[in-house]
Each structure stands twice: as C-alpha cells, then as structure tokens.
Amino acid sequence: MSDPLGVLAMIERLRSRAVTVPGPTPEQEEAERRRELAERLVRMGVPRRAAEIVASPDLRRTASVVVAERLARGEGCICVLAGGNGRGKTVAGGVAVWRRPGLVRAATALARPFPGPSVGEDPLQPWIRTKMLVIDDLGMEHSPGGYAASELLRIVNEREGALRPTLITTNLTAQQARERYGDRLMSRLAGDPLGWQQVVGADLRREPG
C-alpha cells in the first residue's frame, strides 16, 4: 500500500515514541479505598482522627471494637462503652457505623436544642431513624435542668422499640450515669445482652506506635 504523504510512517513513528502510563499499583488502590472509607465515616460524624484509625490497616480489635461489632451484628440493641480516656471508645463508634451505616453525634448536642430543617420538625428525628446511632461522650453535655436526660431516654426508647441499635460512649461510672439519667435508662441497659460494658486496659494514646 503506497503512502505518498508519509502519513502511515508518521503515525508509526509517533506510536513508537508513545509512553505507556502505568496504572495504579495494588498498594495505591488499597490506599485510595481506605481514604474513601475515612471520608465516608467523617460524613457520618466520626471525628477525623478516629475515622483514619478505623480505615487504617493497623486497626486494633480492642475490647471496645469487638463490642461495637457485636452490636452492629444485631446481638444487642443498646450498649454503653464506659471507661477512661484512650480506651478506644470513639474508634469503636466509628467501627459501629462502618459495619452498619448510621450517625455519630456528640452528646453535647443533647443539651442545646437546635431547629429542624422546617418549622415544627423534631430535630432529633435523624437520631431516632438512623440504622445505627452512636452518642459520643455522654456526660460532657451541660444540662442541669434535665433536658438532655429526658431527650436521651426518648431517643433510646424509640430506637429500642424499632430495634435500631444505639451505642453510647462515656467516661462516667455506672453510679454517676444512674444519678444523671435515672433508673429507667439503667434498666434498659440491664435488660440488653450487651448493656453496660466497662472498658479497662492501658491508655492506647500513650502506647508507642
């Protein structure tokens, strides 16, 4: 086949000079998947640092994480993870909404009602309707009038009635929780297969690595 204008020859020269751009490596693809997981968790309300730990290949299956996984599998309906700082409770909350998508909300929001999207709409309905709810750091809210305690009990009652799991994290002792939130909440916990879980062990934030 003749090529008087040299077009075919030029195309062949250009083809021989083309540089093949390699695709992402398996390691790069895995890193991207983990980044996307962390961003998805952040959108659900997980604090960024906790979301990055959940998405990390080095996530440790601490006692808190194991309990969160059991709750997400449906082994209970309401669970409190109680213990000091650095016991992995917030990370466990991230694991809970990873396994069963939902919302993570700070307990401080219970003490200061905020308006719903429209007039007359209950602003806590998203808390009640979501598949998995994590209320983080119960006890940090300032609500001397008892507003937060009554709203917490309402949320727990409605979610339990609909068989929607709720995970609560706190630094309070069982006695302190009883004094602040009453016997009705503690009764709910006592009747659940998971209920009140006291998390002990070393402060993970102080461990090397």
N, C-alpha and C. Protein backbone atom coordinates (compact mmCIF):
# COMPACT_ATOMS: atom_id res chain seq x y z
N MET A 1 0.86 -1.19 0.00
CA MET A 1 0.00 0.00 0.00
C MET A 1 0.89 1.24 0.00
N SER A 2 0.67 2.12 -0.99
CA SER A 2 1.52 3.30 -1.09
C SER A 2 1.13 4.33 -0.03
N ASP A 3 2.12 5.13 0.33
CA ASP A 3 1.89 6.18 1.35
C ASP A 3 2.64 7.43 0.90
N PRO A 4 2.11 8.04 -0.18
CA PRO A 4 2.84 9.17 -0.78
C PRO A 4 3.07 10.32 0.17
N LEU A 5 2.18 10.54 1.09
CA LEU A 5 2.34 11.68 2.00
C LEU A 5 3.08 11.31 3.28
N GLY A 6 3.40 10.04 3.41
CA GLY A 6 4.14 9.60 4.59
C GLY A 6 3.32 9.59 5.87
N VAL A 7 1.99 9.56 5.73
CA VAL A 7 1.13 9.61 6.91
C VAL A 7 1.30 8.37 7.76
N LEU A 8 1.28 7.21 7.12
CA LEU A 8 1.39 5.97 7.88
C LEU A 8 2.73 5.88 8.59
N ALA A 9 3.76 6.34 7.91
CA ALA A 9 5.08 6.30 8.52
C ALA A 9 5.14 7.22 9.73
N MET A 10 4.49 8.40 9.59
CA MET A 10 4.48 9.34 10.71
C MET A 10 3.73 8.76 11.91
N ILE A 11 2.58 8.11 11.64
CA ILE A 11 1.80 7.51 12.73
C ILE A 11 2.62 6.44 13.44
N GLU A 12 3.35 5.63 12.64
CA GLU A 12 4.16 4.58 13.24
C GLU A 12 5.26 5.16 14.10
N ARG A 13 5.87 6.29 13.66
CA ARG A 13 6.92 6.92 14.46
C ARG A 13 6.35 7.44 15.78
N LEU A 14 5.17 8.08 15.69
CA LEU A 14 4.55 8.59 16.91
C LEU A 14 4.18 7.46 17.86
N ARG A 15 3.71 6.35 17.31
CA ARG A 15 3.33 5.23 18.14
C ARG A 15 4.54 4.65 18.86
N SER A 16 5.67 4.62 18.16
CA SER A 16 6.87 4.05 18.78
C SER A 16 7.42 4.93 19.89
N ARG A 17 7.08 6.24 19.83
CA ARG A 17 7.56 7.15 20.86
C ARG A 17 6.60 7.28 22.04
N ALA A 18 5.40 6.74 21.88
CA ALA A 18 4.39 6.90 22.94
C ALA A 18 4.87 6.27 24.24
N VAL A 19 4.58 6.96 25.30
CA VAL A 19 4.96 6.47 26.62
C VAL A 19 3.74 5.85 27.28
N THR A 20 3.88 4.62 27.68
CA THR A 20 2.78 3.94 28.37
C THR A 20 2.72 4.40 29.83
N VAL A 21 1.58 4.94 30.20
CA VAL A 21 1.41 5.40 31.59
C VAL A 21 0.92 4.24 32.43
N PRO A 22 1.69 3.83 33.41
CA PRO A 22 1.27 2.69 34.23
C PRO A 22 0.05 3.03 35.07
N GLY A 23 -0.81 2.05 35.27
CA GLY A 23 -1.97 2.24 36.13
C GLY A 23 -1.55 2.20 37.60
N PRO A 24 -2.50 2.47 38.50
CA PRO A 24 -2.17 2.45 39.92
C PRO A 24 -1.78 1.05 40.38
N THR A 25 -0.88 0.98 41.30
CA THR A 25 -0.46 -0.30 41.86
C THR A 25 -1.53 -0.79 42.83
N PRO A 26 -1.53 -2.08 43.16
CA PRO A 26 -2.49 -2.58 44.17
C PRO A 26 -2.39 -1.82 45.49
N GLU A 27 -1.17 -1.43 45.85
CA GLU A 27 -0.99 -0.68 47.09
C GLU A 27 -1.66 0.69 47.02
N GLN A 28 -1.52 1.34 45.85
CA GLN A 28 -2.16 2.64 45.66
C GLN A 28 -3.68 2.53 45.66
N GLU A 29 -4.18 1.48 45.04
CA GLU A 29 -5.63 1.27 45.02
C GLU A 29 -6.17 1.03 46.43
N GLU A 30 -5.44 0.25 47.21
CA GLU A 30 -5.85 -0.01 48.58
C GLU A 30 -5.82 1.26 49.42
N ALA A 31 -4.79 2.08 49.23
CA ALA A 31 -4.70 3.34 49.96
C ALA A 31 -5.87 4.25 49.60
N GLU A 32 -6.27 4.26 48.33
CA GLU A 32 -7.40 5.09 47.91
C GLU A 32 -8.70 4.59 48.52
N ARG A 33 -8.87 3.27 48.56
CA ARG A 33 -10.08 2.71 49.18
C ARG A 33 -10.17 3.10 50.65
N ARG A 34 -9.04 3.07 51.32
CA ARG A 34 -9.03 3.42 52.74
C ARG A 34 -9.29 4.92 52.94
N ARG A 35 -8.77 5.73 52.04
CA ARG A 35 -9.04 7.17 52.12
C ARG A 35 -10.52 7.44 51.93
N GLU A 36 -11.13 6.76 50.96
CA GLU A 36 -12.56 6.94 50.71
C GLU A 36 -13.39 6.47 51.90
N LEU A 37 -12.97 5.38 52.55
CA LEU A 37 -13.67 4.91 53.74
C LEU A 37 -13.60 5.94 54.85
N ALA A 38 -12.42 6.51 55.07
CA ALA A 38 -12.27 7.52 56.12
C ALA A 38 -13.17 8.72 55.83
N GLU A 39 -13.24 9.16 54.59
CA GLU A 39 -14.08 10.31 54.25
C GLU A 39 -15.56 9.97 54.44
N ARG A 40 -15.94 8.75 54.12
CA ARG A 40 -17.33 8.34 54.32
C ARG A 40 -17.69 8.35 55.80
N LEU A 41 -16.77 7.89 56.63
CA LEU A 41 -17.01 7.88 58.08
C LEU A 41 -17.11 9.31 58.63
N VAL A 42 -16.26 10.20 58.12
CA VAL A 42 -16.31 11.60 58.56
C VAL A 42 -17.68 12.20 58.22
N ARG A 43 -18.21 11.88 57.05
CA ARG A 43 -19.52 12.41 56.68
C ARG A 43 -20.62 11.88 57.59
N MET A 44 -20.42 10.72 58.20
CA MET A 44 -21.40 10.18 59.14
C MET A 44 -21.24 10.77 60.54
N GLY A 45 -20.18 11.57 60.74
CA GLY A 45 -20.00 12.23 62.02
C GLY A 45 -18.84 11.71 62.84
N VAL A 46 -18.09 10.75 62.33
CA VAL A 46 -16.94 10.23 63.07
C VAL A 46 -15.83 11.28 63.06
N PRO A 47 -15.25 11.61 64.22
CA PRO A 47 -14.11 12.54 64.23
C PRO A 47 -13.02 12.05 63.28
N ARG A 48 -12.39 12.97 62.58
CA ARG A 48 -11.46 12.58 61.52
C ARG A 48 -10.36 11.65 62.00
N ARG A 49 -9.77 11.94 63.16
CA ARG A 49 -8.68 11.08 63.63
C ARG A 49 -9.19 9.66 63.86
N ALA A 50 -10.37 9.53 64.46
CA ALA A 50 -10.93 8.20 64.68
C ALA A 50 -11.26 7.52 63.35
N ALA A 51 -11.76 8.29 62.38
CA ALA A 51 -12.08 7.73 61.07
C ALA A 51 -10.83 7.19 60.39
N GLU A 52 -9.73 7.90 60.51
CA GLU A 52 -8.48 7.45 59.90
C GLU A 52 -7.96 6.18 60.57
N ILE A 53 -8.18 6.05 61.87
CA ILE A 53 -7.77 4.84 62.56
C ILE A 53 -8.61 3.66 62.12
N VAL A 54 -9.93 3.87 62.00
CA VAL A 54 -10.82 2.79 61.55
C VAL A 54 -10.42 2.33 60.15
N ALA A 55 -10.07 3.26 59.29
CA ALA A 55 -9.72 2.93 57.91
C ALA A 55 -8.30 2.40 57.77
N SER A 56 -7.52 2.47 58.83
CA SER A 56 -6.13 2.04 58.78
C SER A 56 -6.00 0.53 58.78
N PRO A 57 -4.99 0.00 58.09
CA PRO A 57 -4.76 -1.46 58.14
C PRO A 57 -4.30 -1.91 59.52
N ASP A 58 -3.91 -0.96 60.35
CA ASP A 58 -3.42 -1.28 61.69
C ASP A 58 -4.49 -1.17 62.77
N LEU A 59 -5.76 -1.07 62.35
CA LEU A 59 -6.85 -1.01 63.33
C LEU A 59 -6.77 -2.21 64.27
N ARG A 60 -6.76 -1.91 65.57
CA ARG A 60 -6.68 -2.99 66.57
C ARG A 60 -8.08 -3.42 67.01
N ARG A 61 -8.28 -4.72 67.14
CA ARG A 61 -9.57 -5.23 67.61
C ARG A 61 -9.55 -5.24 69.14
N THR A 62 -9.67 -4.03 69.68
CA THR A 62 -9.72 -3.88 71.13
C THR A 62 -11.05 -4.42 71.65
N ALA A 63 -11.17 -4.45 72.97
CA ALA A 63 -12.42 -4.90 73.58
C ALA A 63 -13.58 -4.01 73.12
N SER A 64 -13.34 -2.70 73.00
CA SER A 64 -14.38 -1.78 72.55
C SER A 64 -14.82 -2.09 71.12
N VAL A 65 -13.86 -2.36 70.25
CA VAL A 65 -14.17 -2.65 68.85
C VAL A 65 -14.98 -3.95 68.75
N VAL A 66 -14.60 -4.95 69.52
CA VAL A 66 -15.32 -6.23 69.49
C VAL A 66 -16.78 -6.03 69.90
N VAL A 67 -17.02 -5.24 70.94
CA VAL A 67 -18.39 -4.98 71.38
C VAL A 67 -19.16 -4.23 70.30
N ALA A 68 -18.53 -3.24 69.67
CA ALA A 68 -19.19 -2.48 68.60
C ALA A 68 -19.57 -3.39 67.44
N GLU A 69 -18.72 -4.31 67.09
CA GLU A 69 -19.02 -5.25 66.01
C GLU A 69 -20.19 -6.15 66.39
N ARG A 70 -20.24 -6.58 67.63
CA ARG A 70 -21.36 -7.42 68.09
C ARG A 70 -22.68 -6.66 68.01
N LEU A 71 -22.64 -5.38 68.42
CA LEU A 71 -23.86 -4.57 68.34
C LEU A 71 -24.32 -4.41 66.90
N ALA A 72 -23.37 -4.16 66.00
CA ALA A 72 -23.72 -3.98 64.59
C ALA A 72 -24.27 -5.26 63.97
N ARG A 73 -23.88 -6.41 64.51
CA ARG A 73 -24.40 -7.69 64.01
C ARG A 73 -25.80 -7.99 64.55
N GLY A 74 -26.27 -7.17 65.47
CA GLY A 74 -27.61 -7.39 66.00
C GLY A 74 -27.66 -8.20 67.27
N GLU A 75 -26.53 -8.33 67.98
CA GLU A 75 -26.51 -9.10 69.21
C GLU A 75 -27.08 -8.33 70.40
N GLY A 76 -27.37 -7.06 70.22
CA GLY A 76 -27.97 -6.24 71.26
C GLY A 76 -28.63 -5.05 70.61
N CYS A 77 -29.28 -4.22 71.45
CA CYS A 77 -29.97 -3.05 70.91
C CYS A 77 -29.44 -1.75 71.51
N ILE A 78 -28.99 -1.80 72.76
CA ILE A 78 -28.40 -0.61 73.38
C ILE A 78 -27.20 -1.03 74.19
N CYS A 79 -26.12 -0.29 74.01
CA CYS A 79 -24.87 -0.63 74.69
C CYS A 79 -24.15 0.65 75.09
N VAL A 80 -23.58 0.63 76.28
CA VAL A 80 -22.74 1.73 76.74
C VAL A 80 -21.31 1.21 76.89
N LEU A 81 -20.37 1.90 76.24
CA LEU A 81 -18.95 1.64 76.43
C LEU A 81 -18.45 2.68 77.43
N ALA A 82 -18.09 2.25 78.62
CA ALA A 82 -17.67 3.16 79.68
C ALA A 82 -16.22 2.90 80.05
N GLY A 83 -15.49 3.97 80.27
CA GLY A 83 -14.09 3.82 80.65
C GLY A 83 -13.36 5.13 80.49
N GLY A 84 -12.12 5.15 80.94
CA GLY A 84 -11.33 6.37 80.88
C GLY A 84 -10.93 6.74 79.47
N ASN A 85 -10.23 7.85 79.36
CA ASN A 85 -9.75 8.32 78.06
C ASN A 85 -8.78 7.32 77.47
N GLY A 86 -8.78 7.26 76.13
CA GLY A 86 -7.80 6.44 75.44
C GLY A 86 -8.09 4.96 75.42
N ARG A 87 -9.33 4.57 75.67
CA ARG A 87 -9.67 3.14 75.66
C ARG A 87 -10.27 2.70 74.33
N GLY A 88 -10.25 3.59 73.35
CA GLY A 88 -10.72 3.22 72.02
C GLY A 88 -12.22 3.28 71.84
N LYS A 89 -12.91 4.02 72.69
CA LYS A 89 -14.37 4.05 72.63
C LYS A 89 -14.87 4.78 71.38
N THR A 90 -14.28 5.93 71.07
CA THR A 90 -14.72 6.70 69.89
C THR A 90 -14.38 5.95 68.61
N VAL A 91 -13.23 5.30 68.59
CA VAL A 91 -12.87 4.47 67.44
C VAL A 91 -13.89 3.35 67.28
N ALA A 92 -14.30 2.75 68.39
CA ALA A 92 -15.32 1.69 68.33
C ALA A 92 -16.62 2.23 67.74
N GLY A 93 -16.96 3.48 68.09
CA GLY A 93 -18.14 4.09 67.48
C GLY A 93 -17.99 4.18 65.97
N GLY A 94 -16.80 4.51 65.51
CA GLY A 94 -16.55 4.54 64.07
C GLY A 94 -16.70 3.17 63.44
N VAL A 95 -16.25 2.14 64.13
CA VAL A 95 -16.40 0.77 63.64
C VAL A 95 -17.88 0.40 63.55
N ALA A 96 -18.66 0.84 64.55
CA ALA A 96 -20.10 0.52 64.55
C ALA A 96 -20.80 1.06 63.31
N VAL A 97 -20.52 2.32 62.93
CA VAL A 97 -21.18 2.88 61.75
C VAL A 97 -20.51 2.44 60.46
N TRP A 98 -19.33 1.88 60.54
CA TRP A 98 -18.71 1.25 59.38
C TRP A 98 -19.45 -0.05 59.07
N ARG A 99 -19.71 -0.83 60.12
CA ARG A 99 -20.38 -2.11 59.94
C ARG A 99 -21.87 -1.96 59.64
N ARG A 100 -22.49 -0.94 60.23
CA ARG A 100 -23.91 -0.67 59.97
C ARG A 100 -24.07 0.84 59.85
N PRO A 101 -24.11 1.37 58.63
CA PRO A 101 -24.09 2.83 58.44
C PRO A 101 -25.14 3.56 59.25
N GLY A 102 -24.74 4.70 59.80
CA GLY A 102 -25.63 5.49 60.62
C GLY A 102 -25.05 6.86 60.91
N LEU A 103 -25.22 7.32 62.14
CA LEU A 103 -24.77 8.64 62.55
C LEU A 103 -23.97 8.55 63.84
N VAL A 104 -22.95 9.38 63.94
CA VAL A 104 -22.23 9.60 65.20
C VAL A 104 -22.49 11.04 65.61
N ARG A 105 -22.99 11.22 66.82
CA ARG A 105 -23.30 12.55 67.31
C ARG A 105 -22.73 12.76 68.71
N ALA A 106 -22.19 13.95 68.95
CA ALA A 106 -21.66 14.29 70.27
C ALA A 106 -22.81 14.49 71.24
N ALA A 107 -22.65 13.97 72.46
CA ALA A 107 -23.70 14.10 73.46
C ALA A 107 -23.98 15.56 73.81
N THR A 108 -23.01 16.44 73.60
CA THR A 108 -23.22 17.85 73.91
C THR A 108 -24.40 18.44 73.14
N ALA A 109 -24.73 17.87 71.97
CA ALA A 109 -25.85 18.38 71.18
C ALA A 109 -27.19 18.13 71.86
N LEU A 110 -27.24 17.20 72.80
CA LEU A 110 -28.50 16.91 73.51
C LEU A 110 -28.90 18.06 74.42
N ALA A 111 -27.93 18.84 74.85
CA ALA A 111 -28.20 19.88 75.84
C ALA A 111 -28.60 21.21 75.22
N ARG A 112 -28.49 21.34 73.93
CA ARG A 112 -28.82 22.61 73.29
C ARG A 112 -29.65 22.33 72.04
N PRO A 113 -30.97 22.36 72.21
CA PRO A 113 -31.85 22.07 71.07
C PRO A 113 -31.54 22.97 69.89
N PHE A 114 -31.60 22.42 68.72
CA PHE A 114 -31.35 23.19 67.50
C PHE A 114 -32.54 23.04 66.58
N PRO A 115 -32.82 24.03 65.75
CA PRO A 115 -34.01 23.96 64.89
C PRO A 115 -33.89 22.89 63.83
N GLY A 116 -35.02 22.30 63.49
CA GLY A 116 -35.04 21.34 62.40
C GLY A 116 -35.06 22.04 61.06
N PRO A 117 -35.00 21.27 59.96
CA PRO A 117 -35.00 21.88 58.63
C PRO A 117 -36.24 22.71 58.36
N SER A 118 -37.34 22.37 58.99
CA SER A 118 -38.56 23.16 58.80
C SER A 118 -39.24 23.36 60.14
N VAL A 119 -40.05 24.39 60.21
CA VAL A 119 -40.71 24.74 61.46
C VAL A 119 -41.58 23.57 61.93
N GLY A 120 -41.44 23.24 63.20
CA GLY A 120 -42.25 22.18 63.78
C GLY A 120 -41.65 20.80 63.64
N GLU A 121 -40.56 20.64 62.89
CA GLU A 121 -39.95 19.33 62.73
C GLU A 121 -39.06 19.01 63.92
N ASP A 122 -39.14 17.78 64.40
CA ASP A 122 -38.34 17.33 65.54
C ASP A 122 -36.88 17.21 65.10
N PRO A 123 -35.97 18.00 65.65
CA PRO A 123 -34.57 17.97 65.20
C PRO A 123 -33.85 16.68 65.54
N LEU A 124 -34.42 15.88 66.46
CA LEU A 124 -33.75 14.64 66.83
C LEU A 124 -34.26 13.44 66.02
N GLN A 125 -35.16 13.67 65.08
CA GLN A 125 -35.65 12.56 64.27
C GLN A 125 -34.54 11.82 63.51
N PRO A 126 -33.54 12.53 62.97
CA PRO A 126 -32.45 11.78 62.33
C PRO A 126 -31.73 10.85 63.31
N TRP A 127 -31.61 11.26 64.58
CA TRP A 127 -31.00 10.40 65.60
C TRP A 127 -31.87 9.15 65.79
N ILE A 128 -33.17 9.33 65.77
CA ILE A 128 -34.10 8.23 66.05
C ILE A 128 -34.21 7.28 64.86
N ARG A 129 -34.16 7.80 63.64
CA ARG A 129 -34.43 6.99 62.46
C ARG A 129 -33.22 6.26 61.91
N THR A 130 -32.02 6.75 62.17
CA THR A 130 -30.84 6.17 61.54
C THR A 130 -30.65 4.71 61.94
N LYS A 131 -30.05 3.93 61.06
CA LYS A 131 -29.89 2.49 61.32
C LYS A 131 -29.01 2.23 62.54
N MET A 132 -27.93 2.97 62.66
CA MET A 132 -27.03 2.85 63.82
C MET A 132 -26.79 4.25 64.36
N LEU A 133 -26.95 4.43 65.67
CA LEU A 133 -26.68 5.72 66.29
C LEU A 133 -25.58 5.55 67.32
N VAL A 134 -24.59 6.42 67.24
CA VAL A 134 -23.53 6.47 68.25
C VAL A 134 -23.61 7.84 68.92
N ILE A 135 -23.81 7.84 70.23
CA ILE A 135 -23.79 9.08 71.01
C ILE A 135 -22.46 9.10 71.77
N ASP A 136 -21.61 10.02 71.40
CA ASP A 136 -20.24 10.03 71.91
C ASP A 136 -20.08 10.97 73.09
N ASP A 137 -19.37 10.48 74.11
CA ASP A 137 -19.01 11.29 75.28
C ASP A 137 -20.21 11.73 76.10
N LEU A 138 -21.10 10.81 76.40
CA LEU A 138 -22.22 11.14 77.27
C LEU A 138 -21.69 11.59 78.63
N GLY A 139 -22.27 12.65 79.14
CA GLY A 139 -21.79 13.22 80.39
C GLY A 139 -21.07 14.54 80.19
N MET A 140 -20.68 14.82 78.96
CA MET A 140 -20.00 16.07 78.66
C MET A 140 -20.98 17.22 78.42
N GLU A 141 -22.25 16.87 78.23
CA GLU A 141 -23.26 17.92 78.00
C GLU A 141 -23.57 18.64 79.32
N HIS A 142 -23.84 19.93 79.23
CA HIS A 142 -24.22 20.72 80.41
C HIS A 142 -25.72 20.93 80.37
N SER A 143 -26.44 20.20 81.21
CA SER A 143 -27.90 20.26 81.18
C SER A 143 -28.44 20.08 82.60
N PRO A 144 -28.21 21.07 83.46
CA PRO A 144 -28.64 20.94 84.86
C PRO A 144 -30.15 20.81 85.03
N GLY A 145 -30.91 21.27 84.05
CA GLY A 145 -32.37 21.18 84.15
C GLY A 145 -32.93 19.82 83.78
N GLY A 146 -32.07 18.91 83.31
CA GLY A 146 -32.52 17.57 82.97
C GLY A 146 -33.02 17.40 81.55
N TYR A 147 -32.89 18.45 80.72
CA TYR A 147 -33.38 18.36 79.33
C TYR A 147 -32.66 17.24 78.58
N ALA A 148 -31.33 17.20 78.69
CA ALA A 148 -30.57 16.19 77.95
C ALA A 148 -30.96 14.78 78.38
N ALA A 149 -31.17 14.58 79.68
CA ALA A 149 -31.53 13.25 80.19
C ALA A 149 -32.87 12.80 79.61
N SER A 150 -33.83 13.71 79.55
CA SER A 150 -35.15 13.34 79.03
C SER A 150 -35.08 13.05 77.54
N GLU A 151 -34.30 13.82 76.80
CA GLU A 151 -34.16 13.58 75.37
C GLU A 151 -33.43 12.27 75.10
N LEU A 152 -32.42 12.00 75.91
CA LEU A 152 -31.69 10.74 75.75
C LEU A 152 -32.63 9.55 75.94
N LEU A 153 -33.44 9.60 76.97
CA LEU A 153 -34.35 8.49 77.24
C LEU A 153 -35.38 8.35 76.11
N ARG A 154 -35.83 9.48 75.58
CA ARG A 154 -36.77 9.43 74.45
C ARG A 154 -36.13 8.75 73.24
N ILE A 155 -34.92 9.13 72.95
CA ILE A 155 -34.21 8.54 71.81
C ILE A 155 -34.04 7.04 72.01
N VAL A 156 -33.58 6.67 73.18
CA VAL A 156 -33.33 5.25 73.47
C VAL A 156 -34.62 4.45 73.39
N ASN A 157 -35.69 4.97 73.97
CA ASN A 157 -36.97 4.26 73.95
C ASN A 157 -37.48 4.03 72.53
N GLU A 158 -37.44 5.08 71.71
CA GLU A 158 -37.96 4.96 70.35
C GLU A 158 -37.09 4.05 69.49
N ARG A 159 -35.80 4.14 69.67
CA ARG A 159 -34.91 3.30 68.88
C ARG A 159 -35.03 1.84 69.31
N GLU A 160 -35.12 1.60 70.59
CA GLU A 160 -35.25 0.22 71.07
C GLU A 160 -36.56 -0.40 70.57
N GLY A 161 -37.63 0.41 70.59
CA GLY A 161 -38.91 -0.08 70.10
C GLY A 161 -38.87 -0.46 68.63
N ALA A 162 -38.01 0.21 67.86
CA ALA A 162 -37.86 -0.08 66.43
C ALA A 162 -36.71 -1.03 66.15
N LEU A 163 -36.09 -1.56 67.20
CA LEU A 163 -34.96 -2.49 67.08
C LEU A 163 -33.78 -1.88 66.31
N ARG A 164 -33.55 -0.59 66.56
CA ARG A 164 -32.41 0.09 65.95
C ARG A 164 -31.31 0.22 67.01
N PRO A 165 -30.12 -0.29 66.74
CA PRO A 165 -29.07 -0.30 67.76
C PRO A 165 -28.52 1.09 68.08
N THR A 166 -28.17 1.27 69.35
CA THR A 166 -27.61 2.53 69.83
C THR A 166 -26.37 2.22 70.65
N LEU A 167 -25.27 2.90 70.32
CA LEU A 167 -24.03 2.77 71.08
C LEU A 167 -23.73 4.10 71.75
N ILE A 168 -23.47 4.07 73.03
CA ILE A 168 -23.16 5.28 73.80
C ILE A 168 -21.77 5.12 74.41
N THR A 169 -20.95 6.14 74.29
CA THR A 169 -19.65 6.12 74.94
C THR A 169 -19.65 7.14 76.07
N THR A 170 -18.93 6.83 77.14
CA THR A 170 -18.90 7.75 78.29
C THR A 170 -17.70 7.48 79.17
N ASN A 171 -17.31 8.50 79.91
CA ASN A 171 -16.28 8.35 80.94
C ASN A 171 -16.90 8.20 82.31
N LEU A 172 -18.25 8.23 82.38
CA LEU A 172 -18.93 8.14 83.66
C LEU A 172 -18.89 6.72 84.21
N THR A 173 -19.00 6.62 85.53
CA THR A 173 -19.19 5.31 86.15
C THR A 173 -20.67 4.96 86.08
N ALA A 174 -21.00 3.72 86.36
CA ALA A 174 -22.40 3.30 86.34
C ALA A 174 -23.22 4.09 87.36
N GLN A 175 -22.64 4.35 88.53
CA GLN A 175 -23.36 5.09 89.56
C GLN A 175 -23.60 6.53 89.11
N GLN A 176 -22.61 7.15 88.51
CA GLN A 176 -22.78 8.51 88.01
C GLN A 176 -23.85 8.57 86.93
N ALA A 177 -23.86 7.58 86.05
CA ALA A 177 -24.87 7.54 84.99
C ALA A 177 -26.27 7.38 85.59
N ARG A 178 -26.39 6.56 86.60
CA ARG A 178 -27.68 6.37 87.24
C ARG A 178 -28.17 7.68 87.86
N GLU A 179 -27.26 8.40 88.51
CA GLU A 179 -27.64 9.67 89.16
C GLU A 179 -28.06 10.72 88.13
N ARG A 180 -27.40 10.74 86.98
CA ARG A 180 -27.70 11.77 85.97
C ARG A 180 -28.89 11.43 85.09
N TYR A 181 -29.04 10.15 84.74
CA TYR A 181 -30.02 9.78 83.72
C TYR A 181 -31.15 8.90 84.25
N GLY A 182 -31.05 8.47 85.49
CA GLY A 182 -32.16 7.77 86.12
C GLY A 182 -32.15 6.27 85.95
N ASP A 183 -33.05 5.63 86.72
CA ASP A 183 -33.13 4.18 86.73
C ASP A 183 -33.69 3.60 85.44
N ARG A 184 -34.51 4.36 84.73
CA ARG A 184 -35.13 3.83 83.52
C ARG A 184 -34.08 3.49 82.46
N LEU A 185 -33.09 4.38 82.30
CA LEU A 185 -32.03 4.09 81.34
C LEU A 185 -31.23 2.87 81.78
N MET A 186 -30.88 2.83 83.07
CA MET A 186 -30.07 1.71 83.56
C MET A 186 -30.84 0.40 83.46
N SER A 187 -32.16 0.48 83.60
CA SER A 187 -32.98 -0.73 83.45
C SER A 187 -32.94 -1.23 82.01
N ARG A 188 -32.99 -0.30 81.07
CA ARG A 188 -32.87 -0.69 79.66
C ARG A 188 -31.54 -1.42 79.42
N LEU A 189 -30.48 -0.87 79.98
CA LEU A 189 -29.15 -1.47 79.80
C LEU A 189 -29.07 -2.85 80.44
N ALA A 190 -29.66 -2.97 81.63
CA ALA A 190 -29.60 -4.25 82.34
C ALA A 190 -30.33 -5.35 81.58
N GLY A 191 -31.32 -4.97 80.78
CA GLY A 191 -32.09 -5.97 80.05
C GLY A 191 -31.55 -6.29 78.67
N ASP A 192 -30.42 -5.71 78.31
CA ASP A 192 -29.85 -5.92 76.97
C ASP A 192 -28.69 -6.92 77.03
N PRO A 193 -28.52 -7.76 76.02
CA PRO A 193 -27.41 -8.71 76.03
C PRO A 193 -26.03 -8.05 76.13
N LEU A 194 -25.91 -6.83 75.63
CA LEU A 194 -24.63 -6.12 75.71
C LEU A 194 -24.63 -5.12 76.88
N GLY A 195 -25.63 -4.25 76.94
CA GLY A 195 -25.82 -3.37 78.09
C GLY A 195 -24.60 -2.54 78.45
N TRP A 196 -24.28 -2.49 79.72
CA TRP A 196 -23.17 -1.67 80.22
C TRP A 196 -21.87 -2.46 80.10
N GLN A 197 -20.93 -1.92 79.35
CA GLN A 197 -19.63 -2.56 79.15
C GLN A 197 -18.54 -1.66 79.71
N GLN A 198 -17.91 -2.11 80.77
CA GLN A 198 -16.82 -1.34 81.36
C GLN A 198 -15.52 -1.71 80.66
N VAL A 199 -14.92 -0.73 80.00
CA VAL A 199 -13.71 -0.97 79.22
C VAL A 199 -12.49 -0.64 80.08
N VAL A 200 -11.62 -1.59 80.25
CA VAL A 200 -10.41 -1.39 81.05
C VAL A 200 -9.20 -1.60 80.15
N GLY A 201 -8.03 -1.40 80.73
CA GLY A 201 -6.80 -1.59 79.97
C GLY A 201 -5.99 -0.32 79.89
N ALA A 202 -4.89 -0.43 79.15
CA ALA A 202 -3.95 0.70 79.03
C ALA A 202 -4.55 1.80 78.17
N ASP A 203 -4.06 3.01 78.39
CA ASP A 203 -4.43 4.17 77.56
C ASP A 203 -3.74 4.00 76.21
N LEU A 204 -4.54 3.73 75.18
CA LEU A 204 -3.98 3.47 73.84
C LEU A 204 -3.24 4.68 73.28
N ARG A 205 -3.61 5.88 73.73
CA ARG A 205 -2.97 7.09 73.22
C ARG A 205 -1.54 7.22 73.73
N ARG A 206 -1.25 6.55 74.83
CA ARG A 206 0.09 6.65 75.41
C ARG A 206 1.01 5.52 74.96
N GLU A 207 0.43 4.53 74.28
CA GLU A 207 1.26 3.41 73.82
C GLU A 207 2.07 3.84 72.59
N PRO A 208 3.29 3.32 72.46
CA PRO A 208 4.11 3.67 71.29
C PRO A 208 3.50 3.10 70.02
N GLY A 209 3.79 3.78 68.93
CA GLY A 209 3.30 3.31 67.63
C GLY A 209 1.96 3.83 67.46
